[in-house]
PDB file of N, CA and C in Angstrom:
ATOM      1  N   MET A   1      14.276   9.171 -10.365  1.00  0.00           N
ATOM      2  CA  MET A   1      13.589   8.429  -9.084  1.00  0.00           C
ATOM      3  C   MET A   1      13.117   8.678  -7.849  1.00  0.00           C
ATOM      4  N   TYR A   2      11.986   8.277  -7.695  1.00  0.00           N
ATOM      5  CA  TYR A   2      11.039   8.656  -6.747  1.00  0.00           C
ATOM      6  C   TYR A   2      10.575   7.474  -6.094  1.00  0.00           C
ATOM      7  N   LEU A   3      10.731   7.103  -4.821  1.00  0.00           N
ATOM      8  CA  LEU A   3      10.528   6.187  -3.899  1.00  0.00           C
ATOM      9  C   LEU A   3       9.388   7.053  -2.718  1.00  0.00           C
ATOM     10  N   ILE A   4       8.771   5.875  -2.331  1.00  0.00           N
ATOM     11  CA  ILE A   4       7.635   6.234  -1.615  1.00  0.00           C
ATOM     12  C   ILE A   4       7.511   4.913  -0.500  1.00  0.00           C
ATOM     13  N   THR A   5       7.857   5.109   0.798  1.00  0.00           N
ATOM     14  CA  THR A   5       7.435   3.713   1.207  1.00  0.00           C
ATOM     15  C   THR A   5       6.740   4.333   2.799  1.00  0.00           C
ATOM     16  N   GLY A   6       6.027   3.093   2.939  1.00  0.00           N
ATOM     17  CA  GLY A   6       5.131   3.386   4.440  1.00  0.00           C
ATOM     18  C   GLY A   6       4.234   2.076   5.182  1.00  0.00           C
ATOM     19  N   THR A   7       3.209   2.313   6.153  1.00  0.00           N
ATOM     20  CA  THR A   7       2.865   1.398   6.826  1.00  0.00           C
ATOM     21  C   THR A   7       1.142   1.060   6.314  1.00  0.00           C
ATOM     22  N   ALA A   8       0.604   0.155   6.270  1.00  0.00           N
ATOM     23  CA  ALA A   8      -0.792   0.583   6.745  1.00  0.00           C
ATOM     24  C   ALA A   8      -1.189  -0.783   7.675  1.00  0.00           C
ATOM     25  N   PHE A   9      -2.334  -0.019   8.272  1.00  0.00           N
ATOM     26  CA  PHE A   9      -3.353  -0.645   9.349  1.00  0.00           C
ATOM     27  C   PHE A   9      -4.290  -2.214   8.835  1.00  0.00           C
ATOM     28  N   GLY A  10      -4.399  -2.110   7.477  1.00  0.00           N
ATOM     29  CA  GLY A  10      -4.709  -3.018   6.864  1.00  0.00           C
ATOM     30  C   GLY A  10      -3.800  -3.926   6.557  1.00  0.00           C
ATOM     31  N   HIS A  11      -4.566  -5.006   6.150  1.00  0.00           N
ATOM     32  CA  HIS A  11      -3.765  -5.927   5.060  1.00  0.00           C
ATOM     33  C   HIS A  11      -4.079  -7.068   3.563  1.00  0.00           C
ATOM     34  N   ILE A  12      -3.388  -6.782   2.478  1.00  0.00           N
ATOM     35  CA  ILE A  12      -3.973  -7.306   1.560  1.00  0.00           C
ATOM     36  C   ILE A  12      -4.650  -8.971   1.544  1.00  0.00           C
ATOM     37  N   THR A  13      -5.369  -9.212   0.344  1.00  0.00           N
ATOM     38  CA  THR A  13      -5.975 -10.485   0.637  1.00  0.00           C
ATOM     39  C   THR A  13      -5.340 -11.448  -0.992  1.00  0.00           C
ATOM     40  N   ASN A  14      -5.965 -12.507  -0.790  1.00  0.00           N
ATOM     41  CA  ASN A  14      -5.943 -13.152  -2.426  1.00  0.00           C
ATOM     42  C   ASN A  14      -6.709 -12.305  -3.340  1.00  0.00           C
ATOM     43  N   GLN A  15      -7.808 -11.737  -3.183  1.00  0.00           N
ATOM     44  CA  GLN A  15      -8.652 -11.181  -4.063  1.00  0.00           C
ATOM     45  C   GLN A  15      -8.297 -10.204  -4.831  1.00  0.00           C
ATOM     46  N   TYR A  16      -8.568  -9.989  -6.560  1.00  0.00           N
ATOM     47  CA  TYR A  16      -8.002  -9.911  -7.654  1.00  0.00           C
ATOM     48  C   TYR A  16      -9.268  -8.461  -8.032  1.00  0.00           C
ATOM     49  N   PRO A  17      -8.734  -7.230  -7.979  1.00  0.00           N
ATOM     50  CA  PRO A  17      -7.566  -6.650  -7.788  1.00  0.00           C
ATOM     51  C   PRO A  17      -7.455  -6.571  -6.006  1.00  0.00           C
ATOM     52  N   VAL A  18      -6.560  -6.134  -5.371  1.00  0.00           N
ATOM     53  CA  VAL A  18      -6.246  -6.107  -4.586  1.00  0.00           C
ATOM     54  C   VAL A  18      -6.733  -6.028  -3.318  1.00  0.00           C
ATOM     55  N   GLY A  19      -7.595  -7.044  -2.411  1.00  0.00           N
ATOM     56  CA  GLY A  19      -8.505  -6.508  -1.649  1.00  0.00           C
ATOM     57  C   GLY A  19      -7.856  -5.629  -0.558  1.00  0.00           C
ATOM     58  N   TYR A  20      -8.724  -5.015  -0.179  1.00  0.00           N
ATOM     59  CA  TYR A  20      -8.253  -4.522   1.783  1.00  0.00           C
ATOM     60  C   TYR A  20      -8.819  -5.527   2.467  1.00  0.00           C
ATOM     61  N   ASN A  21      -8.153  -6.066   3.710  1.00  0.00           N
ATOM     62  CA  ASN A  21      -8.189  -6.503   5.082  1.00  0.00           C
ATOM     63  C   ASN A  21      -8.721  -5.795   5.983  1.00  0.00           C
ATOM     64  N   GLN A  22      -9.502  -4.973   6.688  1.00  0.00           N
ATOM     65  CA  GLN A  22      -9.797  -4.727   7.374  1.00  0.00           C
ATOM     66  C   GLN A  22      -9.043  -5.608   9.069  1.00  0.00           C
ATOM     67  N   GLN A  23      -7.828  -4.704   9.868  1.00  0.00           N
ATOM     68  CA  GLN A  23      -7.774  -4.818  11.272  1.00  0.00           C
ATOM     69  C   GLN A  23      -7.869  -4.516  11.870  1.00  0.00           C
ATOM     70  N   HIS A  24      -7.668  -4.985  13.216  1.00  0.00           N
ATOM     71  CA  HIS A  24      -7.981  -4.022  14.444  1.00  0.00           C
ATOM     72  C   HIS A  24      -6.563  -3.543  14.655  1.00  0.00           C
ATOM     73  N   ILE A  25      -6.308  -2.903  15.034  1.00  0.00           N
ATOM     74  CA  ILE A  25      -5.187  -2.301  15.431  1.00  0.00           C
ATOM     75  C   ILE A  25      -4.497  -3.033  16.531  1.00  0.00           C
ATOM     76  N   ASN A  26      -3.263  -3.112  16.558  1.00  0.00           N
ATOM     77  CA  ASN A  26      -2.533  -4.113  17.585  1.00  0.00           C
ATOM     78  C   ASN A  26      -1.649  -2.918  18.410  1.00  0.00           C
ATOM     79  N   THR A  27      -1.471  -2.584  19.484  1.00  0.00           N
ATOM     80  CA  THR A  27      -0.266  -2.070  20.039  1.00  0.00           C
ATOM     81  C   THR A  27       0.757  -2.528  21.190  1.00  0.00           C
ATOM     82  N   LEU A  28       2.306  -2.128  20.982  1.00  0.00           N
ATOM     83  CA  LEU A  28       2.810  -2.924  22.121  1.00  0.00           C
ATOM     84  C   LEU A  28       2.754  -1.415  23.535  1.00  0.00           C
ATOM     85  N   GLY A  29       3.177  -2.016  24.339  1.00  0.00           N
ATOM     86  CA  GLY A  29       3.297  -0.741  25.278  1.00  0.00           C
ATOM     87  C   GLY A  29       1.849  -0.844  25.964  1.00  0.00           C
ATOM     88  N   LEU A  30       1.991   0.034  26.794  1.00  0.00           N
ATOM     89  CA  LEU A  30       0.915   0.455  28.156  1.00  0.00           C
ATOM     90  C   LEU A  30       0.083   1.927  27.481  1.00  0.00           C
ATOM     91  N   VAL A  31      -1.046   1.498  27.953  1.00  0.00           N
ATOM     92  CA  VAL A  31      -1.864   2.614  27.071  1.00  0.00           C
ATOM     93  C   VAL A  31      -1.454   3.605  27.392  1.00  0.00           C
ATOM     94  N   GLY A  32      -1.401   4.973  26.479  1.00  0.00           N
ATOM     95  CA  GLY A  32      -1.157   6.195  27.157  1.00  0.00           C
ATOM     96  C   GLY A  32      -0.133   6.105  26.194  1.00  0.00           C
ATOM     97  N   ASN A  33       0.999   4.927  26.624  1.00  0.00           N
ATOM     98  CA  ASN A  33       2.168   4.977  25.918  1.00  0.00           C
ATOM     99  C   ASN A  33       2.474   4.077  24.698  1.00  0.00           C
ATOM    100  N   ALA A  34       1.736   3.870  24.085  1.00  0.00           N
ATOM    101  CA  ALA A  34       1.298   2.533  23.184  1.00  0.00           C
ATOM    102  C   ALA A  34       1.734   3.074  22.092  1.00  0.00           C
ATOM    103  N   ILE A  35       2.645   1.905  21.078  1.00  0.00           N
ATOM    104  CA  ILE A  35       2.965   1.872  19.627  1.00  0.00           C
ATOM    105  C   ILE A  35       1.585   0.974  18.944  1.00  0.00           C
ATOM    106  N   ASN A  36       1.207   1.557  18.026  1.00  0.00           N
ATOM    107  CA  ASN A  36       0.556   1.180  17.085  1.00  0.00           C
ATOM    108  C   ASN A  36       1.747   0.274  15.824  1.00  0.00           C
ATOM    109  N   VAL A  37       1.038  -1.219  15.736  1.00  0.00           N
ATOM    110  CA  VAL A  37       1.593  -2.014  14.891  1.00  0.00           C
ATOM    111  C   VAL A  37       1.021  -2.207  13.781  1.00  0.00           C
ATOM    112  N   PRO A  38       1.648  -1.494  12.470  1.00  0.00           N
ATOM    113  CA  PRO A  38       1.158  -2.037  11.458  1.00  0.00           C
ATOM    114  C   PRO A  38       1.222  -3.222  10.629  1.00  0.00           C
ATOM    115  N   ASN A  39      -0.193  -3.686  10.074  1.00  0.00           N
ATOM    116  CA  ASN A  39       0.344  -4.909   9.366  1.00  0.00           C
ATOM    117  C   ASN A  39       0.256  -5.662   7.497  1.00  0.00           C
ATOM    118  N   SER A  40       1.067  -4.214   7.596  1.00  0.00           N
ATOM    119  CA  SER A  40       1.583  -4.136   6.478  1.00  0.00           C
ATOM    120  C   SER A  40       2.708  -3.189   5.832  1.00  0.00           C
ATOM    121  N   MET A  41       3.365  -2.860   5.069  1.00  0.00           N
ATOM    122  CA  MET A  41       4.148  -2.522   4.626  1.00  0.00           C
ATOM    123  C   MET A  41       4.622  -2.570   3.021  1.00  0.00           C
ATOM    124  N   TRP A  42       4.232  -0.664   2.453  1.00  0.00           N
ATOM    125  CA  TRP A  42       4.502  -1.314   0.881  1.00  0.00           C
ATOM    126  C   TRP A  42       5.097   0.229   0.592  1.00  0.00           C
ATOM    127  N   THR A  43       5.597  -0.395  -0.758  1.00  0.00           N
ATOM    128  CA  THR A  43       6.725   0.894  -1.334  1.00  0.00           C
ATOM    129  C   THR A  43       6.354   0.939  -2.737  1.00  0.00           C
ATOM    130  N   ALA A  44       6.356   2.170  -3.134  1.00  0.00           N
ATOM    131  CA  ALA A  44       6.107   2.477  -4.736  1.00  0.00           C
ATOM    132  C   ALA A  44       7.082   3.743  -5.321  1.00  0.00           C
ATOM    133  N   GLY A  45       6.957   3.249  -6.671  1.00  0.00           N
ATOM    134  CA  GLY A  45       7.935   4.290  -7.376  1.00  0.00           C
ATOM    135  C   GLY A  45       7.770   4.430  -8.819  1.00  0.00           C
ATOM    136  N   CYS A  46       8.438   5.559  -9.297  1.00  0.00           N
ATOM    137  CA  CYS A  46       8.315   6.437 -10.011  1.00  0.00           C
ATOM    138  C   CYS A  46       9.295   7.008 -11.170  1.00  0.00           C
ATOM    139  N   CYS A  47       9.591   6.512 -11.758  1.00  0.00           N
ATOM    140  CA  CYS A  47      10.654   7.288 -12.670  1.00  0.00           C
ATOM    141  C   CYS A  47      10.305   7.742 -13.677  1.00  0.00           C
ATOM    142  N   VAL A  48      10.938   9.250 -13.637  1.00  0.00           N
ATOM    143  CA  VAL A  48      10.244  10.566 -15.017  1.00  0.00           C
ATOM    144  C   VAL A  48      12.005  10.599 -15.871  1.00  0.00           C
ATOM    145  N   LEU A  49      11.117  10.019 -16.829  1.00  0.00           N
ATOM    146  CA  LEU A  49      12.853   9.859 -18.058  1.00  0.00           C
ATOM    147  C   LEU A  49      12.490  11.016 -18.713  1.00  0.00           C
ATOM    148  N   SER A  50      11.052  11.962 -18.689  1.00  0.00           N
ATOM    149  CA  SER A  50      10.973  12.979 -18.999  1.00  0.00           C
ATOM    150  C   SER A  50       9.409  12.920 -19.607  1.00  0.00           C
ATOM    151  N   PRO A  51       8.840  14.031 -20.028  1.00  0.00           N
ATOM    152  CA  PRO A  51       7.486  14.190 -19.904  1.00  0.00           C
ATOM    153  C   PRO A  51       6.110  12.620 -19.694  1.00  0.00           C
ATOM    154  N   ASN A  52       6.794  12.175 -21.410  1.00  0.00           N
ATOM    155  CA  ASN A  52       6.686  11.347 -22.120  1.00  0.00           C
ATOM    156  C   ASN A  52       6.585   9.826 -21.674  1.00  0.00           C
ATOM    157  N   ASP A  53       7.864   9.898 -20.779  1.00  0.00           N
ATOM    158  CA  ASP A  53       8.777   8.493 -20.697  1.00  0.00           C
ATOM    159  C   ASP A  53       8.888   8.300 -19.117  1.00  0.00           C
ATOM    160  N   VAL A  54       7.905   7.573 -18.769  1.00  0.00           N
ATOM    161  CA  VAL A  54       7.494   7.362 -17.282  1.00  0.00           C
ATOM    162  C   VAL A  54       7.023   5.766 -16.591  1.00  0.00           C
ATOM    163  N   GLU A  55       7.795   4.997 -15.930  1.00  0.00           N
ATOM    164  CA  GLU A  55       7.803   4.051 -15.601  1.00  0.00           C
ATOM    165  C   GLU A  55       7.252   4.318 -14.159  1.00  0.00           C
ATOM    166  N   SER A  56       6.431   3.418 -13.367  1.00  0.00           N
ATOM    167  CA  SER A  56       6.170   3.081 -12.170  1.00  0.00           C
ATOM    168  C   SER A  56       6.116   2.076 -11.425  1.00  0.00           C
ATOM    169  N   PHE A  57       5.987   1.596 -10.613  1.00  0.00           N
ATOM    170  CA  PHE A  57       5.619  -0.071  -9.694  1.00  0.00           C
ATOM    171  C   PHE A  57       4.998   0.484  -8.745  1.00  0.00           C
ATOM    172  N   ALA A  58       4.780  -0.252  -7.615  1.00  0.00           N
ATOM    173  CA  ALA A  58       4.120  -1.166  -6.743  1.00  0.00           C
ATOM    174  C   ALA A  58       4.669  -1.832  -6.141  1.00  0.00           C
ATOM    175  N   VAL A  59       4.686  -2.190  -4.592  1.00  0.00           N
ATOM    176  CA  VAL A  59       4.626  -3.391  -4.266  1.00  0.00           C
ATOM    177  C   VAL A  59       4.553  -3.319  -2.733  1.00  0.00           C
ATOM    178  N   ILE A  60       3.236  -4.158  -2.120  1.00  0.00           N
ATOM    179  CA  ILE A  60       3.213  -4.770  -0.754  1.00  0.00           C
ATOM    180  C   ILE A  60       3.058  -5.931   0.040  1.00  0.00           C
ATOM    181  N   GLY A  61       3.383  -5.623   0.950  1.00  0.00           N
ATOM    182  CA  GLY A  61       3.632  -7.060   1.880  1.00  0.00           C
ATOM    183  C   GLY A  61       2.858  -7.026   3.181  1.00  0.00           C
ATOM    184  N   ASN A  62       2.306  -7.768   3.814  1.00  0.00           N
ATOM    185  CA  ASN A  62       1.826  -8.096   4.967  1.00  0.00           C
ATOM    186  C   ASN A  62       3.018  -8.395   5.769  1.00  0.00           C
ATOM    187  N   TYR A  63       2.140  -8.100   7.120  1.00  0.00           N
ATOM    188  CA  TYR A  63       3.337  -8.318   8.129  1.00  0.00           C
ATOM    189  C   TYR A  63       2.969  -9.735   8.648  1.00  0.00           C
ATOM    190  N   LEU A  64       3.713 -11.056   8.586  1.00  0.00           N
ATOM    191  CA  LEU A  64       2.871 -11.802   9.230  1.00  0.00           C
ATOM    192  C   LEU A  64       4.248 -12.259  10.310  1.00  0.00           C
ATOM    193  N   PRO A  65       3.362 -12.988  10.985  1.00  0.00           N
ATOM    194  CA  PRO A  65       4.632 -14.441  12.046  1.00  0.00           C
ATOM    195  C   PRO A  65       5.403 -15.631  10.803  1.00  0.00           C
ATOM    196  N   LYS A  66       6.532 -15.779  11.236  1.00  0.00           N
ATOM    197  CA  LYS A  66       7.200 -16.822  10.614  1.00  0.00           C
ATOM    198  C   LYS A  66       6.442 -17.573  10.272  1.00  0.00           C
ATOM    199  N   ASP A  67       5.918 -17.823  11.439  1.00  0.00           N
ATOM    200  CA  ASP A  67       5.129 -19.509  11.421  1.00  0.00           C
ATOM    201  C   ASP A  67       3.978 -19.889  10.759  1.00  0.00           C
ATOM    202  N   SER A  68       3.246 -18.124  10.073  1.00  0.00           N
ATOM    203  CA  SER A  68       2.061 -18.315   9.670  1.00  0.00           C
ATOM    204  C   SER A  68       2.069 -19.194   8.170  1.00  0.00           C
ATOM    205  N   THR A  69       1.187 -19.858   8.338  1.00  0.00           N
ATOM    206  CA  THR A  69       1.201 -20.740   7.285  1.00  0.00           C
ATOM    207  C   THR A  69      -0.249 -20.650   6.154  1.00  0.00           C
ATOM    208  N   ASP A  70      -0.602 -19.741   6.576  1.00  0.00           N
ATOM    209  CA  ASP A  70      -2.252 -19.764   5.581  1.00  0.00           C
ATOM    210  C   ASP A  70      -1.611 -19.075   4.358  1.00  0.00           C
ATOM    211  N   PRO A  71      -2.283 -20.255   3.517  1.00  0.00           N
ATOM    212  CA  PRO A  71      -2.475 -19.942   2.035  1.00  0.00           C
ATOM    213  C   PRO A  71      -2.955 -19.022   1.495  1.00  0.00           C
ATOM    214  N   ASN A  72      -4.460 -18.554   2.526  1.00  0.00           N
ATOM    215  CA  ASN A  72      -4.532 -17.432   1.972  1.00  0.00           C
ATOM    216  C   ASN A  72      -3.896 -15.743   1.610  1.00  0.00           C
ATOM    217  N   GLU A  73      -3.160 -15.784   2.504  1.00  0.00           N
ATOM    218  CA  GLU A  73      -2.498 -14.701   2.827  1.00  0.00           C
ATOM    219  C   GLU A  73      -1.659 -14.840   2.099  1.00  0.00           C
ATOM    220  N   PRO A  74      -0.530 -13.733   1.373  1.00  0.00           N
ATOM    221  CA  PRO A  74       0.183 -13.875   0.152  1.00  0.00           C
ATOM    222  C   PRO A  74       0.780 -12.811   1.283  1.00  0.00           C
ATOM    223  N   LEU A  75       1.999 -13.177   0.985  1.00  0.00           N
ATOM    224  CA  LEU A  75       3.145 -12.255   2.195  1.00  0.00           C
ATOM    225  C   LEU A  75       3.683 -10.472   1.237  1.00  0.00           C
ATOM    226  N   THR A  76       3.740 -11.580  -0.080  1.00  0.00           N
ATOM    227  CA  THR A  76       4.599  -9.892  -1.085  1.00  0.00           C
ATOM    228  C   THR A  76       3.490  -9.966  -2.318  1.00  0.00           C
ATOM    229  N   ARG A  77       3.154  -8.659  -2.681  1.00  0.00           N
ATOM    230  CA  ARG A  77       2.521  -9.046  -4.095  1.00  0.00           C
ATOM    231  C   ARG A  77       2.888  -7.666  -5.125  1.00  0.00           C
ATOM    232  N   GLN A  78       3.424  -7.655  -6.059  1.00  0.00           N
ATOM    233  CA  GLN A  78       3.353  -6.381  -6.954  1.00  0.00           C
ATOM    234  C   GLN A  78       2.025  -5.956  -7.398  1.00  0.00           C
ATOM    235  N   ILE A  79       1.551  -4.638  -7.380  1.00  0.00           N
ATOM    236  CA  ILE A  79       0.690  -4.281  -7.867  1.00  0.00           C
ATOM    237  C   ILE A  79       0.527  -2.916  -8.586  1.00  0.00           C
ATOM    238  N   THR A  80      -0.241  -2.068  -8.950  1.00  0.00           N
ATOM    239  CA  THR A  80       0.326  -1.025  -9.602  1.00  0.00           C
ATOM    240  C   THR A  80      -0.434   0.135  -8.560  1.00  0.00           C
ATOM    241  N   VAL A  81       0.160   1.283  -8.979  1.00  0.00           N
ATOM    242  CA  VAL A  81       0.679   2.273  -7.975  1.00  0.00           C
ATOM    243  C   VAL A  81      -1.262   2.329  -8.097  1.00  0.00           C
ATOM    244  N   LYS A  82      -1.836   2.564  -8.770  1.00  0.00           N
ATOM    245  CA  LYS A  82      -3.371   2.772  -8.994  1.00  0.00           C
ATOM    246  C   LYS A  82      -3.991   2.591  -7.616  1.00  0.00           C
ATOM    247  N   GLN A  83      -3.540   0.584  -7.699  1.00  0.00           N
ATOM    248  CA  GLN A  83      -4.160  -0.337  -6.799  1.00  0.00           C
ATOM    249  C   GLN A  83      -3.874  -0.048  -5.247  1.00  0.00           C
ATOM    250  N   LEU A  84      -2.275   0.326  -5.385  1.00  0.00           N
ATOM    251  CA  LEU A  84      -2.197   0.763  -3.900  1.00  0.00           C
ATOM    252  C   LEU A  84      -2.752   2.195  -3.424  1.00  0.00           C
ATOM    253  N   GLU A  85      -2.915   3.311  -3.978  1.00  0.00           N
ATOM    254  CA  GLU A  85      -3.692   4.358  -3.579  1.00  0.00           C
ATOM    255  C   GLU A  85      -4.610   3.927  -3.292  1.00  0.00           C
ATOM    256  N   LYS A  86      -5.549   3.280  -3.841  1.00  0.00           N
ATOM    257  CA  LYS A  86      -7.157   2.502  -3.317  1.00  0.00           C
ATOM    258  C   LYS A  86      -6.602   1.984  -2.324  1.00  0.00           C
ATOM    259  N   PHE A  87      -5.663   0.929  -2.046  1.00  0.00           N
ATOM    260  CA  PHE A  87      -5.632   0.358  -1.146  1.00  0.00           C
ATOM    261  C   PHE A  87      -5.598   1.160   0.422  1.00  0.00           C
ATOM    262  N   LEU A  88      -4.776   2.625   0.281  1.00  0.00           N
ATOM    263  CA  LEU A  88      -4.174   3.399   1.335  1.00  0.00           C
ATOM    264  C   LEU A  88      -5.935   4.282   2.206  1.00  0.00           C
ATOM    265  N   ALA A  89      -5.823   4.389   0.565  1.00  0.00           N
ATOM    266  CA  ALA A  89      -7.975   5.133   0.504  1.00  0.00           C
ATOM    267  C   ALA A  89      -8.582   4.439   1.584  1.00  0.00           C
ATOM    268  N   ASP A  90      -8.446   3.506   1.327  1.00  0.00           N
ATOM    269  CA  ASP A  90      -9.372   2.623   2.217  1.00  0.00           C
ATOM    270  C   ASP A  90      -9.018   1.823   3.835  1.00  0.00           C
ATOM    271  N   ASP A  91      -7.437   2.330   3.728  1.00  0.00           N
ATOM    272  CA  ASP A  91      -7.238   2.196   5.051  1.00  0.00           C
ATOM    273  C   ASP A  91      -7.745   3.641   5.753  1.00  0.00           C
ATOM    274  N   VAL A  92      -7.195   4.865   4.829  1.00  0.00           N
ATOM    275  CA  VAL A  92      -7.283   6.060   5.339  1.00  0.00           C
ATOM    276  C   VAL A  92      -8.813   5.625   6.234  1.00  0.00           C
ATOM    277  N   ASP A  93      -9.591   5.276   5.134  1.00  0.00           N
ATOM    278  CA  ASP A  93     -11.214   5.439   5.692  1.00  0.00           C
ATOM    279  C   ASP A  93     -11.577   4.461   6.706  1.00  0.00           C
ATOM    280  N   ASN A  94     -10.589   3.721   7.031  1.00  0.00           N
ATOM    281  CA  ASN A  94     -11.035   2.773   8.066  1.00  0.00           C
ATOM    282  C   ASN A  94     -12.387   3.306   9.163  1.00  0.00           C
ATOM    283  N   GLN A  95     -13.579   2.678   8.893  1.00  0.00           N
ATOM    284  CA  GLN A  95     -14.503   3.669  10.177  1.00  0.00           C
ATOM    285  C   GLN A  95     -14.596   3.010  11.353  1.00  0.00           C
ATOM    286  N   ASP A  96     -13.399   1.729  11.955  1.00  0.00           N
ATOM    287  CA  ASP A  96     -13.454   1.428  13.099  1.00  0.00           C
ATOM    288  C   ASP A  96     -12.538   2.377  14.006  1.00  0.00           C
ATOM    289  N   GLN A  97     -11.282   2.641  13.088  1.00  0.00           N
ATOM    290  CA  GLN A  97     -10.825   4.124  13.846  1.00  0.00           C
ATOM    291  C   GLN A  97     -11.207   4.823  13.555  1.00  0.00           C
ATOM    292  N   HIS A  98     -12.329   5.180  13.072  1.00  0.00           N
ATOM    293  CA  HIS A  98     -13.024   6.906  12.865  1.00  0.00           C
ATOM    294  C   HIS A  98     -12.150   7.652  12.744  1.00  0.00           C
ATOM    295  N   ILE A  99     -11.616   7.251  11.618  1.00  0.00           N
ATOM    296  CA  ILE A  99     -10.588   8.566  10.252  1.00  0.00           C
ATOM    297  C   ILE A  99     -10.776   8.151   8.809  1.00  0.00           C
ATOM    298  N   ASN A 100     -11.460   9.499   8.901  1.00  0.00           N
ATOM    299  CA  ASN A 100     -12.203  10.116   7.508  1.00  0.00           C
ATOM    300  C   ASN A 100     -10.992  10.639   6.920  1.00  0.00           C
ATOM    301  N   GLY A 101     -11.092   9.808   5.974  1.00  0.00           N
ATOM    302  CA  GLY A 101      -9.944  10.997   4.717  1.00  0.00           C
ATOM    303  C   GLY A 101      -9.968  10.826   3.301  1.00  0.00           C
ATOM    304  N   PRO A 102      -9.499  11.554   2.879  1.00  0.00           N
ATOM    305  CA  PRO A 102      -9.712  12.197   1.395  1.00  0.00           C
ATOM    306  C   PRO A 102      -8.610  11.022   0.687  1.00  0.00           C
ATOM    307  N   ASN A 103      -9.224  10.846  -0.952  1.00  0.00           N
ATOM    308  CA  ASN A 103      -8.428   9.554  -2.239  1.00  0.00           C
ATOM    309  C   ASN A 103      -6.916   9.950  -1.433  1.00  0.00           C
ATOM    310  N   VAL A 104      -6.059   9.374  -1.739  1.00  0.00           N
ATOM    311  CA  VAL A 104      -4.831   9.551  -1.822  1.00  0.00           C
ATOM    312  C   VAL A 104      -4.170   9.798  -3.132  1.00  0.00           C
ATOM    313  N   ASN A 105      -3.017  10.421  -3.282  1.00  0.00           N
ATOM    314  CA  ASN A 105      -2.510  10.455  -4.259  1.00  0.00           C
ATOM    315  C   ASN A 105      -1.087  10.311  -3.909  1.00  0.00           C
ATOM    316  N   LEU A 106      -0.357   9.429  -4.911  1.00  0.00           N
ATOM    317  CA  LEU A 106       0.814   9.266  -4.116  1.00  0.00           C
ATOM    318  C   LEU A 106       1.878  10.282  -4.657  1.00  0.00           C
ATOM    319  N   PHE A 107       1.785  10.510  -6.045  1.00  0.00           N
ATOM    320  CA  PHE A 107       2.655  10.939  -6.471  1.00  0.00           C
ATOM    321  C   PHE A 107       2.273  12.953  -7.186  1.00  0.00           C
ATOM    322  N   PRO A 108       2.088  13.829  -6.014  1.00  0.00           N
ATOM    323  CA  PRO A 108       0.976  15.196  -6.941  1.00  0.00           C
ATOM    324  C   PRO A 108       1.643  15.685  -7.102  1.00  0.00           C
ATOM    325  N   ALA A 109       1.658  16.751  -7.484  1.00  0.00           N
ATOM    326  CA  ALA A 109       2.366  17.514  -8.438  1.00  0.00           C
ATOM    327  C   ALA A 109       2.956  17.864  -9.498  1.00  0.00           C
ATOM    328  N   GLY A 110       2.100  17.553 -10.399  1.00  0.00           N
ATOM    329  CA  GLY A 110       2.581  17.690 -11.827  1.00  0.00           C
ATOM    330  C   GLY A 110       2.922  15.933 -12.328  1.00  0.00           C
ATOM    331  N   TYR A 111       2.871  15.127 -11.411  1.00  0.00           N
ATOM    332  CA  TYR A 111       3.255  13.465 -11.925  1.00  0.00           C
ATOM    333  C   TYR A 111       2.645  12.988 -11.384  1.00  0.00           C
ATOM    334  N   GLY A 112       1.575  13.176 -11.916  1.00  0.00           N
ATOM    335  CA  GLY A 112      -0.131  12.132 -12.050  1.00  0.00           C
ATOM    336  C   GLY A 112      -0.014  11.222 -13.156  1.00  0.00           C
ATOM    337  N   ALA A 113       1.489  11.111 -13.579  1.00  0.00           N
ATOM    338  CA  ALA A 113       1.341  10.452 -15.022  1.00  0.00           C
ATOM    339  C   ALA A 113       1.661   9.007 -14.221  1.00  0.00           C
ATOM    340  N   CYS A 114       2.404   9.177 -13.262  1.00  0.00           N
ATOM    341  CA  CYS A 114       2.926   8.218 -12.076  1.00  0.00           C
ATOM    342  C   CYS A 114       1.527   7.026 -11.184  1.00  0.00           C
ATOM    343  N   SER A 115       0.442   7.421 -11.449  1.00  0.00           N
ATOM    344  CA  SER A 115      -0.393   6.841 -11.063  1.00  0.00           C
ATOM    345  C   SER A 115      -0.962   6.350 -12.503  1.00  0.00           C
ATOM    346  N   ASN A 116      -0.570   6.574 -13.416  1.00  0.00           N
ATOM    347  CA  ASN A 116      -1.556   5.872 -14.542  1.00  0.00           C
ATOM    348  C   ASN A 116      -1.166   4.447 -15.229  1.00  0.00           C
ATOM    349  N   ALA A 117      -2.082   3.865 -14.774  1.00  0.00           N
ATOM    350  CA  ALA A 117      -1.978   2.461 -14.849  1.00  0.00           C
ATOM    351  C   ALA A 117      -0.945   1.604 -16.680  1.00  0.00           C
ATOM    352  N   ALA A 118      -0.718   2.622 -17.157  1.00  0.00           N
ATOM    353  CA  ALA A 118      -0.345   2.327 -18.972  1.00  0.00           C
ATOM    354  C   ALA A 118       1.280   2.569 -18.889  1.00  0.00           C
ATOM    355  N   ASN A 119       1.829   3.354 -17.105  1.00  0.00           N
ATOM    356  CA  ASN A 119       2.800   3.465 -17.046  1.00  0.00           C
ATOM    357  C   ASN A 119       3.393   2.131 -15.827  1.00  0.00           C
ATOM    358  N   ASP A 120       2.837   1.285 -15.290  1.00  0.00           N
ATOM    359  CA  ASP A 120       3.096   0.331 -14.825  1.00  0.00           C
ATOM    360  C   ASP A 120       4.288  -0.579 -15.232  1.00  0.00           C
ATOM    361  N   LEU A 121       5.122  -1.171 -14.164  1.00  0.00           N
ATOM    362  CA  LEU A 121       5.586  -1.957 -15.322  1.00  0.00           C
ATOM    363  C   LEU A 121       5.055  -3.531 -14.895  1.00  0.00           C
ATOM    364  N   PRO A 122       4.837  -4.202 -15.841  1.00  0.00           N
ATOM    365  CA  PRO A 122       4.006  -5.450 -16.504  1.00  0.00           C
ATOM    366  C   PRO A 122       4.453  -6.460 -14.832  1.00  0.00           C
ATOM    367  N   VAL A 123       6.514  -6.380 -15.267  1.00  0.00           N
ATOM    368  CA  VAL A 123       7.268  -7.652 -13.787  1.00  0.00           C
ATOM    369  C   VAL A 123       7.990  -6.652 -13.771  1.00  0.00           C
ATOM    370  N   LEU A 124       8.473  -6.727 -12.173  1.00  0.00           N
ATOM    371  CA  LEU A 124       9.639  -6.395 -11.805  1.00  0.00           C
ATOM    372  C   LEU A 124      11.007  -6.627 -12.671  1.00  0.00           C
ATOM    373  N   PRO A 125      12.074  -5.765 -12.424  1.00  0.00           N
ATOM    374  CA  PRO A 125      13.109  -6.658 -12.905  1.00  0.00           C
ATOM    375  C   PRO A 125      13.717  -7.426 -11.895  1.00  0.00           C
TER     376      PRO A 125
END
């Protein structure tokens, strides 16, 4: 089992497939000593039982204040690993921050089957 967890500066929307909503990066602290505050958190998992038996999943959740009641902003959602990779590629390519990056591949080095939508669990147990 491989688990990867990280953060992103965009957040998910109710669009399907998962929509990327670009957000300005908020910071805590003084300029020069600032800490960037992410807008979402994600986890991707892949269980490789054998080369032909692979199961994967991904979940993402928005960071929302506890008093947020906006029904258009889901708090968490299960998505495919491929959708998460696309979401993260959009986050890396956020033109507002002038960060241009490559495509995102969460499970490289021979574990490409983890990103194959046919191996995604339909519903987490």
